[in-house]
């Protein structure tokens, strides 16, 4: 029997594979957000971009989205 390769099957599998964690303060599920910040290099006098993934919920949303 062939595998079901429809878009609905792929999204259902991706949703079931995710490990969702909740915030201990508010109980809301975390959203994984890519935070890009620009930093000036002191040695070459150029700009660098730092990329970090952070977990955001309603508790720390104001601190991250400045």
Foldseek 3Di string as FASTA:
>chain_A
DDDDDDPVVVVVVVVVPDDWDADPPPRHTWDWDKDWDWDADPPPRHIDIDIDIDTDDPVCPVVRVD
